[in-house]
Amino acid sequence: MSNRITVGLDGSGVGSAAADWAAEEAELRGAALELVHAEDWAQYGPFAVPLPEPRPQWAEDLLSLTRDRLLREHRTLDITTRTTKGLAASKVLASSAADADLLVLGSRGLGAVAGFIVGSTGSATIPETDTPVVLVHSTDGEDRPLGHADNAGAVVLGVDLRSNCDRLLAFACEEADRRGCPLVVVHGWSLPPVFSYAPALDPGVEKEMAEGLETTLRELLSPWERKYPQLAVDARIVIGQPAIQILDVASGAALVVVGRRIRRPALGARIGPITHAVMHHATSPVAIVAHD
């Protein structure tokens, strides 16, 4: 890795919020910050509405003004800018962040009920890259993110005990450690349909299965607790739909971390339903970490 955070800018308020969050994160990490504007040729056909100035100049001004603003608030930060072009902005952004530690993108909020619009570029970029992607949300008309890198809340990690969680745990532990905040690890579960009758016949079945999952989770976390002895880890096995349980725990979190399995299917990669739900409805910044 290059000890660099890349953030995508599109001239919107949420893009500005993403840049603010990324700058704070870069300071926490002691990393450089790269501001990227990805021009998507496919969006600008012969009938596109013209900008008040030529697009290359508009992009250059966007990057320059954002860099100047961030340097006023983060004077020691190493900030570079880059404009890239391609047939799809998602592929351009993924390529730009290929050797970065983190890719940060903005996501527009629609309120507590409606959730968030990640946007076609953001949704398409996430499956294109193995670099962790952070989605930063803000409400309509506001340029400030709803969560900041120095937020006092916990880092919340959603795990699937059937998957390889090492990369997610490494990312979440490092984020919680550098913030000096607790790490809350959540696994949501329900009884398999074949056991749906069991609690009525034996109330101890559900308890026994929950205790087994708790043991598995504690064993999973044990080496990470030894590696980060100063880190307060709260492990929770909760009954219910995983995405809903993660979102419930994540209210007020500094960062929410979820996983995306790396798949190379013929029809292209995709985002799993739990991660999809969390990234559209969490109000805190959401990190999507690709894993095996």
Protein backbone atom coordinates (compact mmCIF):
# COMPACT_ATOMS: atom_id res chain seq x y z
CA MET A 1 0.00 0.00 0.00
CA SER A 2 1.04 3.61 -0.58
CA ASN A 3 -0.10 5.19 2.73
CA ARG A 4 -2.54 7.26 0.69
CA ILE A 5 -6.26 7.93 0.82
CA THR A 6 -8.06 8.65 -2.45
CA VAL A 7 -11.33 10.58 -2.50
CA GLY A 8 -13.62 11.04 -5.49
CA LEU A 9 -15.00 14.53 -6.17
CA ASP A 10 -17.94 15.35 -8.44
CA GLY A 11 -18.71 18.94 -7.43
CA SER A 12 -21.65 17.99 -5.16
CA GLY A 13 -22.11 18.74 -1.49
CA VAL A 14 -21.72 15.09 -0.59
CA GLY A 15 -18.44 15.01 -2.51
CA SER A 16 -17.26 17.91 -0.38
CA ALA A 17 -18.37 16.06 2.77
CA ALA A 18 -16.43 13.00 1.63
CA ALA A 19 -13.32 15.16 1.15
CA ASP A 20 -13.68 16.55 4.70
CA TRP A 21 -13.97 13.07 6.18
CA ALA A 22 -11.07 11.78 4.11
CA ALA A 23 -8.84 14.67 5.23
CA GLU A 24 -9.53 13.90 8.89
CA GLU A 25 -8.90 10.21 8.28
CA ALA A 26 -5.62 11.02 6.50
CA GLU A 27 -4.47 13.02 9.52
CA LEU A 28 -5.34 10.12 11.84
CA ARG A 29 -3.34 7.73 9.66
CA GLY A 30 -0.47 10.10 8.85
CA ALA A 31 -1.30 9.44 5.22
CA ALA A 32 -1.30 11.55 2.06
CA LEU A 33 -4.60 12.59 0.49
CA GLU A 34 -5.36 12.42 -3.23
CA LEU A 35 -8.34 14.30 -4.68
CA VAL A 36 -9.60 12.70 -7.90
CA HIS A 37 -12.24 13.85 -10.36
CA ALA A 38 -13.26 11.03 -12.68
CA GLU A 39 -14.82 12.28 -15.89
CA ASP A 40 -17.26 9.77 -17.31
CA TRP A 41 -17.38 10.25 -21.08
CA ALA A 42 -20.61 8.28 -21.34
CA GLN A 43 -22.46 10.92 -19.30
CA TYR A 44 -21.63 13.81 -21.63
CA GLY A 45 -23.12 13.17 -25.04
CA PRO A 46 -23.92 15.74 -27.73
CA PHE A 47 -27.11 16.77 -25.91
CA ALA A 48 -25.59 17.25 -22.45
CA VAL A 49 -26.39 20.55 -20.71
CA PRO A 50 -23.30 22.78 -21.07
CA LEU A 51 -21.39 23.90 -18.01
CA PRO A 52 -20.75 27.64 -17.42
CA GLU A 53 -17.11 26.96 -18.34
CA PRO A 54 -15.26 24.22 -20.29
CA ARG A 55 -15.32 20.93 -18.40
CA PRO A 56 -11.53 20.56 -18.06
CA GLN A 57 -11.32 24.02 -16.48
CA TRP A 58 -14.31 23.26 -14.22
CA ALA A 59 -12.65 20.05 -13.01
CA GLU A 60 -9.34 21.83 -12.43
CA ASP A 61 -11.07 24.57 -10.42
CA LEU A 62 -13.02 22.00 -8.38
CA LEU A 63 -9.85 20.18 -7.38
CA SER A 64 -7.84 23.35 -6.75
CA LEU A 65 -10.50 25.02 -4.62
CA THR A 66 -11.11 21.86 -2.60
CA ARG A 67 -7.38 21.42 -2.00
CA ASP A 68 -7.02 25.03 -0.85
CA ARG A 69 -9.99 24.72 1.50
CA LEU A 70 -8.70 21.50 3.07
CA LEU A 71 -5.20 22.92 3.53
CA ARG A 72 -6.63 25.83 5.49
CA GLU A 73 -8.06 23.32 7.96
CA HIS A 74 -5.28 20.71 7.74
CA ARG A 75 -2.10 22.70 7.18
CA THR A 76 0.37 19.81 7.37
CA LEU A 77 -1.55 17.43 5.12
CA ASP A 78 0.08 16.29 1.87
CA ILE A 79 -2.68 16.79 -0.74
CA THR A 80 -2.40 16.07 -4.45
CA THR A 81 -5.00 16.34 -7.21
CA ARG A 82 -5.71 14.38 -10.37
CA THR A 83 -8.27 14.41 -13.17
CA THR A 84 -8.87 11.13 -15.00
CA LYS A 85 -11.06 10.19 -17.94
CA GLY A 86 -12.68 6.98 -19.06
CA LEU A 87 -15.77 5.31 -20.44
CA ALA A 88 -17.03 4.56 -16.92
CA ALA A 89 -16.30 6.66 -13.84
CA SER A 90 -16.52 3.57 -11.62
CA LYS A 91 -13.64 1.87 -13.44
CA VAL A 92 -11.62 5.09 -13.44
CA LEU A 93 -12.05 5.55 -9.69
CA ALA A 94 -11.27 1.90 -9.00
CA SER A 95 -8.10 2.17 -11.09
CA SER A 96 -7.10 5.40 -9.31
CA ALA A 97 -7.43 3.73 -5.92
CA ALA A 98 -5.77 0.44 -6.89
CA ASP A 99 -2.73 1.03 -4.64
CA ALA A 100 -4.44 3.32 -2.11
CA ASP A 101 -5.25 2.30 1.46
CA LEU A 102 -8.76 3.69 1.21
CA LEU A 103 -11.20 5.08 -1.37
CA VAL A 104 -13.73 7.60 -0.04
CA LEU A 105 -16.96 8.49 -1.87
CA GLY A 106 -20.00 10.62 -1.05
CA SER A 107 -23.60 9.43 -0.68
CA ARG A 108 -26.65 11.69 -0.56
CA GLY A 109 -29.12 11.35 2.31
CA LEU A 110 -32.90 11.30 1.95
CA GLY A 111 -33.81 11.22 5.62
CA ALA A 112 -34.22 8.57 8.31
CA VAL A 113 -37.10 6.77 6.60
CA ALA A 114 -36.00 6.79 2.98
CA GLY A 115 -32.34 6.11 3.72
CA PHE A 116 -29.59 7.11 1.28
CA ILE A 117 -28.83 7.09 -2.41
CA VAL A 118 -25.36 5.68 -2.89
CA GLY A 119 -25.53 6.60 -6.56
CA SER A 120 -24.77 4.63 -9.70
CA THR A 121 -21.07 5.51 -9.66
CA GLY A 122 -20.60 4.55 -6.01
CA SER A 123 -22.57 1.31 -6.35
CA ALA A 124 -20.64 0.38 -9.48
CA THR A 125 -17.22 1.29 -8.03
CA ILE A 126 -17.43 -0.88 -4.91
CA PRO A 127 -17.44 -4.26 -6.75
CA GLU A 128 -14.69 -3.00 -9.10
CA THR A 129 -12.01 -2.59 -6.42
CA ASP A 130 -10.47 -4.65 -3.64
CA THR A 131 -9.46 -1.42 -1.88
CA PRO A 132 -11.68 -0.68 1.15
CA VAL A 133 -14.33 1.89 0.21
CA VAL A 134 -15.85 4.35 2.69
CA LEU A 135 -19.21 5.96 1.89
CA VAL A 136 -19.74 9.27 3.65
CA HIS A 137 -23.31 10.48 3.99
CA SER A 138 -24.68 13.97 4.37
CA THR A 139 -28.19 15.36 4.27
CA ASP A 140 -29.51 17.32 1.29
CA GLY A 141 -28.22 20.86 1.21
CA GLU A 142 -25.46 20.23 3.72
CA ASP A 143 -21.79 19.92 2.86
CA ARG A 144 -20.70 18.46 6.20
CA PRO A 145 -20.63 14.70 6.76
CA LEU A 146 -22.96 13.15 9.31
CA GLY A 147 -19.99 11.35 10.85
CA HIS A 148 -16.41 12.52 11.27
CA ALA A 149 -13.14 10.68 11.70
CA ASP A 150 -12.91 12.04 15.27
CA ASN A 151 -16.48 11.06 16.17
CA ALA A 152 -16.71 9.86 19.77
CA GLY A 153 -18.85 6.85 18.87
CA ALA A 154 -17.68 3.28 18.53
CA VAL A 155 -16.50 1.43 15.45
CA VAL A 156 -19.20 -1.14 14.66
CA LEU A 157 -18.30 -4.29 12.72
CA GLY A 158 -20.84 -6.70 11.26
CA VAL A 159 -19.50 -10.23 10.82
CA ASP A 160 -20.70 -13.48 9.29
CA LEU A 161 -19.19 -16.33 11.30
CA ARG A 162 -19.34 -18.56 8.23
CA SER A 163 -16.91 -16.30 6.34
CA ASN A 164 -13.23 -15.48 6.62
CA CYS A 165 -13.35 -12.36 8.80
CA ASP A 166 -9.60 -11.70 9.16
CA ARG A 167 -9.44 -8.76 6.76
CA LEU A 168 -12.53 -7.14 8.27
CA LEU A 169 -11.22 -7.58 11.81
CA ALA A 170 -7.80 -6.18 10.88
CA PHE A 171 -9.42 -3.10 9.33
CA ALA A 172 -11.94 -2.55 12.17
CA CYS A 173 -9.40 -3.08 14.96
CA GLU A 174 -6.97 -0.62 13.37
CA GLU A 175 -9.72 1.99 12.92
CA ALA A 176 -10.93 1.65 16.52
CA ASP A 177 -7.37 1.63 17.86
CA ARG A 178 -6.32 4.84 16.09
CA ARG A 179 -9.50 6.57 17.30
CA GLY A 180 -9.15 5.26 20.85
CA CYS A 181 -12.79 4.13 20.80
CA PRO A 182 -14.53 0.80 21.52
CA LEU A 183 -15.06 -1.85 18.87
CA VAL A 184 -18.53 -3.42 18.77
CA VAL A 185 -18.68 -6.69 16.83
CA VAL A 186 -22.17 -7.83 15.82
CA HIS A 187 -23.37 -11.16 14.44
CA GLY A 188 -27.08 -11.37 13.68
CA TRP A 189 -28.69 -14.78 13.35
CA SER A 190 -31.99 -16.67 13.26
CA LEU A 191 -32.87 -20.31 13.76
CA PRO A 192 -32.73 -22.28 10.49
CA PRO A 193 -36.23 -23.08 9.14
CA VAL A 194 -35.74 -26.77 9.88
CA PHE A 195 -35.58 -25.87 13.59
CA SER A 196 -38.54 -23.49 13.55
CA TYR A 197 -40.61 -25.87 15.72
CA ALA A 198 -37.81 -26.57 18.19
CA PRO A 199 -38.23 -23.67 20.67
CA ALA A 200 -41.86 -24.65 21.28
CA LEU A 201 -40.78 -28.23 22.05
CA ASP A 202 -37.59 -27.35 23.88
CA PRO A 203 -37.03 -23.71 24.96
CA GLY A 204 -33.37 -24.53 25.55
CA VAL A 205 -32.59 -25.07 21.85
CA GLU A 206 -32.37 -21.37 21.01
CA LYS A 207 -30.28 -20.63 24.10
CA GLU A 208 -27.91 -23.50 23.35
CA MET A 209 -27.39 -22.34 19.76
CA ALA A 210 -26.81 -18.75 20.89
CA GLU A 211 -24.22 -19.89 23.42
CA GLY A 212 -22.43 -21.87 20.70
CA LEU A 213 -22.30 -18.81 18.46
CA GLU A 214 -21.01 -16.68 21.34
CA THR A 215 -18.21 -19.17 21.92
CA THR A 216 -17.32 -19.14 18.21
CA LEU A 217 -17.27 -15.33 18.15
CA ARG A 218 -15.11 -15.09 21.27
CA GLU A 219 -12.64 -17.57 19.76
CA LEU A 220 -12.58 -15.53 16.56
CA LEU A 221 -11.85 -12.32 18.48
CA SER A 222 -9.31 -13.78 20.91
CA PRO A 223 -6.14 -13.29 18.79
CA TRP A 224 -7.19 -9.73 17.92
CA GLU A 225 -7.76 -8.88 21.57
CA ARG A 226 -4.25 -10.11 22.29
CA LYS A 227 -2.88 -7.99 19.44
CA TYR A 228 -4.77 -4.91 20.65
CA PRO A 229 -4.82 -5.36 24.47
CA GLN A 230 -5.83 -1.72 25.04
CA LEU A 231 -8.88 -2.03 22.77
CA ALA A 232 -12.30 -2.40 24.40
CA VAL A 233 -14.18 -5.06 22.41
CA ASP A 234 -17.90 -5.64 22.84
CA ALA A 235 -19.01 -8.89 21.16
CA ARG A 236 -22.75 -9.25 20.51
CA ILE A 237 -24.74 -12.22 19.23
CA VAL A 238 -28.20 -10.86 18.42
CA ILE A 239 -31.30 -12.61 17.11
CA GLY A 240 -32.83 -11.11 13.99
CA GLN A 241 -32.12 -10.04 10.43
CA PRO A 242 -28.38 -9.19 10.34
CA ALA A 243 -28.67 -5.87 8.49
CA ILE A 244 -31.35 -4.58 10.88
CA GLN A 245 -29.30 -5.62 13.91
CA ILE A 246 -26.15 -3.94 12.57
CA LEU A 247 -28.05 -0.73 11.78
CA ASP A 248 -29.61 -0.71 15.25
CA VAL A 249 -26.24 -1.02 16.99
CA ALA A 250 -24.59 1.42 14.56
CA SER A 251 -26.71 4.44 15.52
CA GLY A 252 -24.20 7.18 16.41
CA ALA A 253 -21.17 5.08 15.42
CA ALA A 254 -17.91 6.69 14.32
CA LEU A 255 -17.67 4.12 11.53
CA VAL A 256 -19.60 1.04 10.41
CA VAL A 257 -17.59 -1.78 8.82
CA VAL A 258 -19.15 -4.49 6.66
CA GLY A 259 -17.71 -7.01 4.23
CA ARG A 260 -18.04 -7.87 0.57
CA ARG A 261 -16.92 -11.26 -0.68
CA ILE A 262 -14.50 -11.11 -3.59
CA ARG A 263 -16.17 -12.95 -6.47
CA ARG A 264 -15.21 -13.08 -10.13
CA PRO A 265 -18.42 -14.38 -11.78
CA ALA A 266 -18.94 -14.23 -15.51
CA LEU A 267 -21.66 -11.60 -15.12
CA GLY A 268 -19.58 -9.39 -12.85
CA ALA A 269 -19.12 -8.87 -9.11
CA ARG A 270 -21.96 -7.83 -6.85
CA ILE A 271 -22.64 -6.50 -3.37
CA GLY A 272 -24.35 -8.86 -0.92
CA PRO A 273 -27.82 -8.01 0.44
CA ILE A 274 -26.69 -7.29 4.02
CA THR A 275 -23.92 -4.93 2.95
CA HIS A 276 -26.25 -3.36 0.39
CA ALA A 277 -28.84 -2.62 3.11
CA VAL A 278 -26.30 -1.22 5.58
CA MET A 279 -24.60 1.07 3.09
CA HIS A 280 -27.97 2.52 1.99
CA HIS A 281 -29.46 3.05 5.45
CA ALA A 282 -26.64 3.69 7.95
CA THR A 283 -26.27 7.34 8.93
CA SER A 284 -22.62 6.94 9.92
CA PRO A 285 -19.79 6.52 7.41
CA VAL A 286 -19.74 2.94 6.10
CA ALA A 287 -16.57 1.06 5.18
CA ILE A 288 -16.99 -1.83 2.73
CA VAL A 289 -14.04 -4.21 3.00
CA ALA A 290 -13.50 -6.86 0.30
CA HIS A 291 -12.51 -10.29 1.63
CA ASP A 292 -12.17 -13.90 0.50
